[in-house]
N, C-alpha and C. Protein backbone atom coordinates (compact mmCIF):
# COMPACT_ATOMS: atom_id res chain seq x y z
N MET A 1 -83.74 161.44 173.34
CA MET A 1 -83.44 161.55 171.92
C MET A 1 -82.07 160.35 172.52
N TYR A 2 -81.35 160.66 171.51
CA TYR A 2 -80.33 159.41 172.00
C TYR A 2 -79.33 159.39 172.25
N GLN A 3 -78.96 158.70 173.71
CA GLN A 3 -77.41 158.74 173.86
C GLN A 3 -76.90 157.76 173.90
N PRO A 4 -75.58 157.58 173.67
CA PRO A 4 -74.36 157.15 173.64
C PRO A 4 -74.01 155.80 174.69
N ILE A 5 -73.73 154.86 174.36
CA ILE A 5 -73.70 153.79 175.16
C ILE A 5 -72.21 154.38 176.51
N ASP A 6 -71.14 154.88 176.25
CA ASP A 6 -69.92 155.79 176.83
C ASP A 6 -69.73 157.22 176.31
N PRO A 7 -70.23 158.07 176.64
CA PRO A 7 -70.40 159.40 175.78
C PRO A 7 -68.72 159.85 176.25
N GLY A 8 -68.52 159.63 177.36
CA GLY A 8 -67.18 160.04 177.89
C GLY A 8 -66.09 159.36 177.39
N SER A 9 -65.74 158.49 176.52
CA SER A 9 -64.77 158.17 176.49
C SER A 9 -64.17 158.41 175.31
N LEU A 10 -62.53 157.95 174.56
CA LEU A 10 -61.74 158.67 173.81
C LEU A 10 -62.40 157.71 172.71
N PHE A 11 -63.45 157.26 173.01
CA PHE A 11 -63.92 156.55 171.26
C PHE A 11 -65.36 156.37 171.35
N GLY A 12 -65.52 157.55 172.07
CA GLY A 12 -67.18 157.31 171.94
C GLY A 12 -67.97 158.16 170.86
N GLU A 13 -69.06 158.42 170.68
CA GLU A 13 -69.83 158.87 170.02
C GLU A 13 -69.64 160.00 169.31
N HIS A 14 -69.06 161.13 167.57
CA HIS A 14 -69.60 161.87 167.43
C HIS A 14 -70.45 161.93 166.14
N PHE A 15 -71.58 162.91 166.67
CA PHE A 15 -72.62 163.47 165.70
C PHE A 15 -71.98 164.78 164.53
N GLY A 16 -71.91 164.00 163.33
CA GLY A 16 -70.92 165.18 162.89
C GLY A 16 -71.86 166.08 161.88
N CYS A 17 -72.78 165.53 161.38
CA CYS A 17 -73.97 166.25 160.39
C CYS A 17 -74.93 165.80 160.69
N GLY A 18 -75.84 166.36 160.42
CA GLY A 18 -77.52 165.08 159.65
C GLY A 18 -78.38 166.21 159.27
N ALA A 19 -79.34 165.37 158.49
CA ALA A 19 -80.57 166.09 157.72
C ALA A 19 -82.27 165.65 158.33
N LYS A 20 -82.82 166.43 158.30
CA LYS A 20 -84.59 165.70 158.37
C LYS A 20 -84.38 164.99 156.91
N ASP A 21 -84.94 163.65 157.25
CA ASP A 21 -85.64 162.75 156.60
C ASP A 21 -87.01 163.10 156.03
N PRO A 22 -87.13 163.44 154.60
CA PRO A 22 -88.65 163.93 153.97
C PRO A 22 -89.33 162.70 154.17
N ALA A 23 -88.86 161.37 154.18
CA ALA A 23 -90.07 160.26 155.06
C ALA A 23 -90.30 160.06 156.21
N GLY A 24 -89.77 160.96 157.49
CA GLY A 24 -89.46 161.04 158.58
C GLY A 24 -88.29 160.54 158.97
N GLY A 25 -88.16 161.39 160.48
CA GLY A 25 -87.04 161.06 160.86
C GLY A 25 -85.61 161.91 160.83
N PHE A 26 -84.33 161.49 161.15
CA PHE A 26 -83.60 162.29 160.66
C PHE A 26 -81.93 161.05 160.22
N THR A 27 -81.56 161.38 159.54
CA THR A 27 -79.89 160.86 159.35
C THR A 27 -78.85 161.43 160.05
N PHE A 28 -78.06 160.97 160.62
CA PHE A 28 -77.07 161.23 161.07
C PHE A 28 -76.13 160.89 160.36
N MET A 29 -74.67 161.20 160.06
CA MET A 29 -73.26 161.03 160.09
C MET A 29 -72.33 160.96 161.57
N VAL A 30 -72.48 159.85 161.89
CA VAL A 30 -71.65 159.23 163.31
C VAL A 30 -69.89 158.55 162.94
N THR A 31 -68.92 159.45 163.49
CA THR A 31 -67.82 158.68 163.65
C THR A 31 -67.43 158.50 164.84
N ASP A 32 -66.32 157.31 165.41
CA ASP A 32 -65.64 157.40 166.52
C ASP A 32 -64.91 158.43 166.93
N PHE A 33 -65.51 159.17 167.58
CA PHE A 33 -64.55 160.78 168.53
C PHE A 33 -62.78 160.56 167.76
N TYR A 34 -62.37 159.85 168.42
CA TYR A 34 -61.34 159.72 168.56
C TYR A 34 -60.27 159.39 166.91
N GLU A 35 -60.51 160.92 166.08
CA GLU A 35 -59.62 160.61 165.03
C GLU A 35 -61.07 160.69 163.79
N GLY A 36 -61.45 159.99 164.16
CA GLY A 36 -62.99 160.32 163.34
C GLY A 36 -62.90 159.18 162.62
N HIS A 37 -62.47 157.64 162.71
CA HIS A 37 -62.88 156.84 162.50
C HIS A 37 -63.76 156.01 162.60
N ASN A 38 -64.24 155.65 161.59
CA ASN A 38 -65.80 154.18 161.20
C ASN A 38 -66.75 155.26 161.29
N PRO A 39 -66.95 156.08 159.93
CA PRO A 39 -67.69 156.90 159.79
C PRO A 39 -69.22 156.03 159.06
N ARG A 40 -70.14 156.31 159.78
CA ARG A 40 -71.55 155.47 159.63
C ARG A 40 -72.42 156.26 159.46
N LEU A 41 -74.15 156.38 158.58
CA LEU A 41 -75.06 157.15 158.57
C LEU A 41 -75.76 156.21 159.50
N VAL A 42 -76.42 156.92 160.39
CA VAL A 42 -77.79 156.33 161.21
C VAL A 42 -79.00 157.39 161.00
N HIS A 43 -79.88 156.27 161.32
CA HIS A 43 -81.01 157.08 160.86
C HIS A 43 -82.44 156.75 162.08
N LEU A 44 -82.57 157.96 162.81
CA LEU A 44 -83.23 157.91 164.23
C LEU A 44 -84.29 158.94 163.94
N PRO A 45 -85.61 157.64 164.36
CA PRO A 45 -87.06 158.07 164.17
C PRO A 45 -87.47 159.62 164.89
N GLU A 46 -88.26 159.88 164.29
CA GLU A 46 -89.30 161.42 164.82
C GLU A 46 -89.83 161.42 165.48
N THR A 47 -90.48 160.37 166.23
CA THR A 47 -91.79 159.95 166.98
C THR A 47 -90.91 158.96 168.32
N ALA A 48 -89.84 158.97 168.19
CA ALA A 48 -89.33 158.09 169.67
C ALA A 48 -90.32 158.69 170.70
N THR A 49 -90.57 157.96 171.25
CA THR A 49 -90.58 157.70 172.71
C THR A 49 -89.42 157.76 174.28
N ALA A 50 -88.87 156.91 174.06
CA ALA A 50 -87.60 156.74 174.84
C ALA A 50 -86.24 156.76 173.75
N ALA A 51 -85.00 156.94 174.46
CA ALA A 51 -83.82 156.65 174.10
C ALA A 51 -84.12 155.88 172.90
N PRO A 52 -83.86 155.94 171.24
CA PRO A 52 -83.85 154.98 170.41
C PRO A 52 -82.59 154.49 169.90
N VAL A 53 -82.32 153.22 169.55
CA VAL A 53 -81.80 152.60 169.12
C VAL A 53 -81.21 153.12 167.33
N PRO A 54 -80.29 154.06 167.45
CA PRO A 54 -80.25 154.57 165.84
C PRO A 54 -80.06 152.90 164.69
N THR A 55 -80.94 153.17 163.56
CA THR A 55 -80.77 152.27 162.66
C THR A 55 -79.67 152.44 161.48
N ARG A 56 -78.75 151.51 161.38
CA ARG A 56 -77.93 152.29 160.66
C ARG A 56 -78.18 152.04 159.02
N VAL A 57 -77.98 153.14 158.25
CA VAL A 57 -78.04 153.34 156.69
C VAL A 57 -77.01 152.32 155.77
N PRO A 58 -76.96 151.46 155.25
CA PRO A 58 -76.17 151.19 154.48
C PRO A 58 -75.55 151.21 153.12
N THR A 59 -74.25 151.37 153.43
CA THR A 59 -73.47 151.96 151.92
C THR A 59 -72.53 151.35 151.41
N LYS A 60 -72.67 151.22 150.47
CA LYS A 60 -71.45 150.09 150.31
C LYS A 60 -70.69 150.68 148.15
N PRO A 61 -69.31 151.19 148.93
CA PRO A 61 -68.99 150.64 150.10
C PRO A 61 -69.06 151.28 151.40
N THR A 62 -68.90 150.77 151.85
CA THR A 62 -69.30 151.31 153.69
C THR A 62 -67.79 153.03 153.45
N LEU A 63 -68.67 153.55 154.35
CA LEU A 63 -67.71 155.57 154.38
C LEU A 63 -66.65 154.69 154.92
N GLY A 64 -66.37 154.22 155.94
CA GLY A 64 -65.05 154.14 156.72
C GLY A 64 -64.10 153.49 155.01
N GLU A 65 -64.67 152.37 154.18
CA GLU A 65 -63.41 152.17 153.60
C GLU A 65 -63.45 153.52 153.03
N VAL A 66 -64.10 154.02 152.58
CA VAL A 66 -64.08 154.98 151.78
C VAL A 66 -62.90 156.68 152.30
N SER A 67 -62.88 156.23 153.93
CA SER A 67 -62.59 157.34 154.37
C SER A 67 -60.94 156.53 154.23
N VAL A 68 -61.07 155.60 155.00
CA VAL A 68 -59.44 154.52 155.15
C VAL A 68 -58.78 155.41 153.76
N ARG A 69 -59.34 154.68 152.15
CA ARG A 69 -58.62 155.31 151.11
C ARG A 69 -58.31 156.09 150.83
N ARG A 70 -59.18 157.44 151.34
CA ARG A 70 -58.96 158.58 151.20
C ARG A 70 -57.91 159.36 152.77
N GLY A 71 -57.42 158.23 153.25
CA GLY A 71 -56.22 159.16 154.48
C GLY A 71 -57.15 159.27 155.77
N GLY A 72 -58.17 159.29 156.72
CA GLY A 72 -58.91 158.79 156.96
C GLY A 72 -59.50 160.08 157.66
N GLY A 73 -60.51 160.52 158.85
CA GLY A 73 -60.96 161.70 158.69
C GLY A 73 -61.75 162.33 157.52
N LEU A 74 -62.19 161.85 156.11
CA LEU A 74 -62.99 162.26 155.78
C LEU A 74 -64.17 163.15 155.85
N PHE A 75 -65.11 162.60 156.79
CA PHE A 75 -66.31 162.91 157.35
C PHE A 75 -66.38 163.49 158.68
N ASN A 76 -65.63 163.91 159.19
CA ASN A 76 -64.89 164.49 160.51
C ASN A 76 -66.04 165.75 160.25
N ASP A 77 -65.77 166.56 159.55
CA ASP A 77 -66.92 167.97 159.57
C ASP A 77 -67.62 167.71 158.34
N CYS A 78 -69.04 168.02 158.41
CA CYS A 78 -69.72 167.64 156.86
C CYS A 78 -70.62 168.27 156.98
N LEU A 79 -71.24 168.31 156.04
CA LEU A 79 -72.76 169.03 155.54
C LEU A 79 -73.35 167.96 155.32
N MET A 80 -74.52 167.95 155.11
CA MET A 80 -76.10 166.19 154.50
C MET A 80 -77.40 167.39 154.32
N ALA A 81 -77.51 166.73 152.86
CA ALA A 81 -79.08 167.21 153.00
C ALA A 81 -79.90 165.75 152.70
N ILE A 82 -80.77 165.78 152.20
CA ILE A 82 -81.60 164.63 151.91
C ILE A 82 -82.75 164.86 151.14
N ALA A 83 -82.67 164.52 149.40
CA ALA A 83 -83.75 164.66 148.44
C ALA A 83 -85.34 164.47 148.63
N PRO A 84 -86.37 164.73 148.36
CA PRO A 84 -87.50 163.77 148.49
C PRO A 84 -87.37 162.77 148.16
N ASP A 85 -86.69 162.06 147.25
CA ASP A 85 -86.75 160.58 146.67
C ASP A 85 -86.02 160.03 147.34
N GLY A 86 -85.62 160.15 148.80
CA GLY A 86 -84.77 159.73 149.89
C GLY A 86 -83.34 159.51 149.70
N VAL A 87 -82.33 160.42 148.29
CA VAL A 87 -81.11 160.05 148.69
C VAL A 87 -80.27 161.06 149.20
N ILE A 88 -79.35 160.62 149.40
CA ILE A 88 -78.12 161.51 150.34
C ILE A 88 -77.36 162.21 149.96
N TYR A 89 -76.99 163.60 150.43
CA TYR A 89 -76.05 164.12 149.57
C TYR A 89 -75.01 164.36 150.67
N VAL A 90 -73.85 163.86 151.06
CA VAL A 90 -72.83 164.51 152.27
C VAL A 90 -71.70 165.64 151.28
N GLN A 91 -71.51 166.47 152.17
CA GLN A 91 -70.39 166.99 151.33
C GLN A 91 -68.70 166.84 152.74
N SER A 92 -68.48 166.27 151.47
CA SER A 92 -67.16 166.20 152.83
C SER A 92 -65.66 167.32 152.84
N SER A 93 -64.96 167.10 153.39
CA SER A 93 -63.94 167.96 153.08
C SER A 93 -62.71 167.92 152.10
N SER A 94 -63.77 166.76 150.70
CA SER A 94 -63.21 166.81 149.73
C SER A 94 -63.71 166.61 148.63
N GLY A 95 -65.22 166.97 149.04
CA GLY A 95 -66.39 166.66 147.55
C GLY A 95 -67.33 166.24 148.09
N ILE A 96 -68.70 166.13 146.82
CA ILE A 96 -69.91 165.55 147.85
C ILE A 96 -69.77 164.41 146.85
N TRP A 97 -70.56 163.77 147.82
CA TRP A 97 -70.78 162.06 147.93
C TRP A 97 -72.59 161.92 148.04
N LYS A 98 -72.77 160.78 146.90
CA LYS A 98 -74.14 160.83 146.57
C LYS A 98 -74.34 159.42 147.24
N VAL A 99 -75.48 159.30 148.15
CA VAL A 99 -75.80 157.99 148.81
C VAL A 99 -77.01 157.58 148.72
N SER A 100 -77.23 156.40 148.28
CA SER A 100 -78.99 156.25 147.02
C SER A 100 -78.92 155.42 148.78
N LYS A 101 -80.71 155.10 149.49
CA LYS A 101 -81.32 154.18 150.38
C LYS A 101 -81.29 153.22 149.14
């Protein structure tokens, strides 16, 4: 499994929610632990044999930009599902977001 560089720091990573990707692997919502800043989606492979480096899933606008516009902490608690066509759905504290790959 993935190990953050500094899991004990105030600004360490928090894996808020995740889902199995039908194309393989897993996608997770990651925020910086302190106040939920810098939300981002990352993908981890299913068959990794060593600690993998997560691949960032690009979004436009970034989830951080969306969160800041809404006052921050938008994706601290979430649910996620990934459709067979790869579209990612994230339920945040204020609604459901559709993210196309």
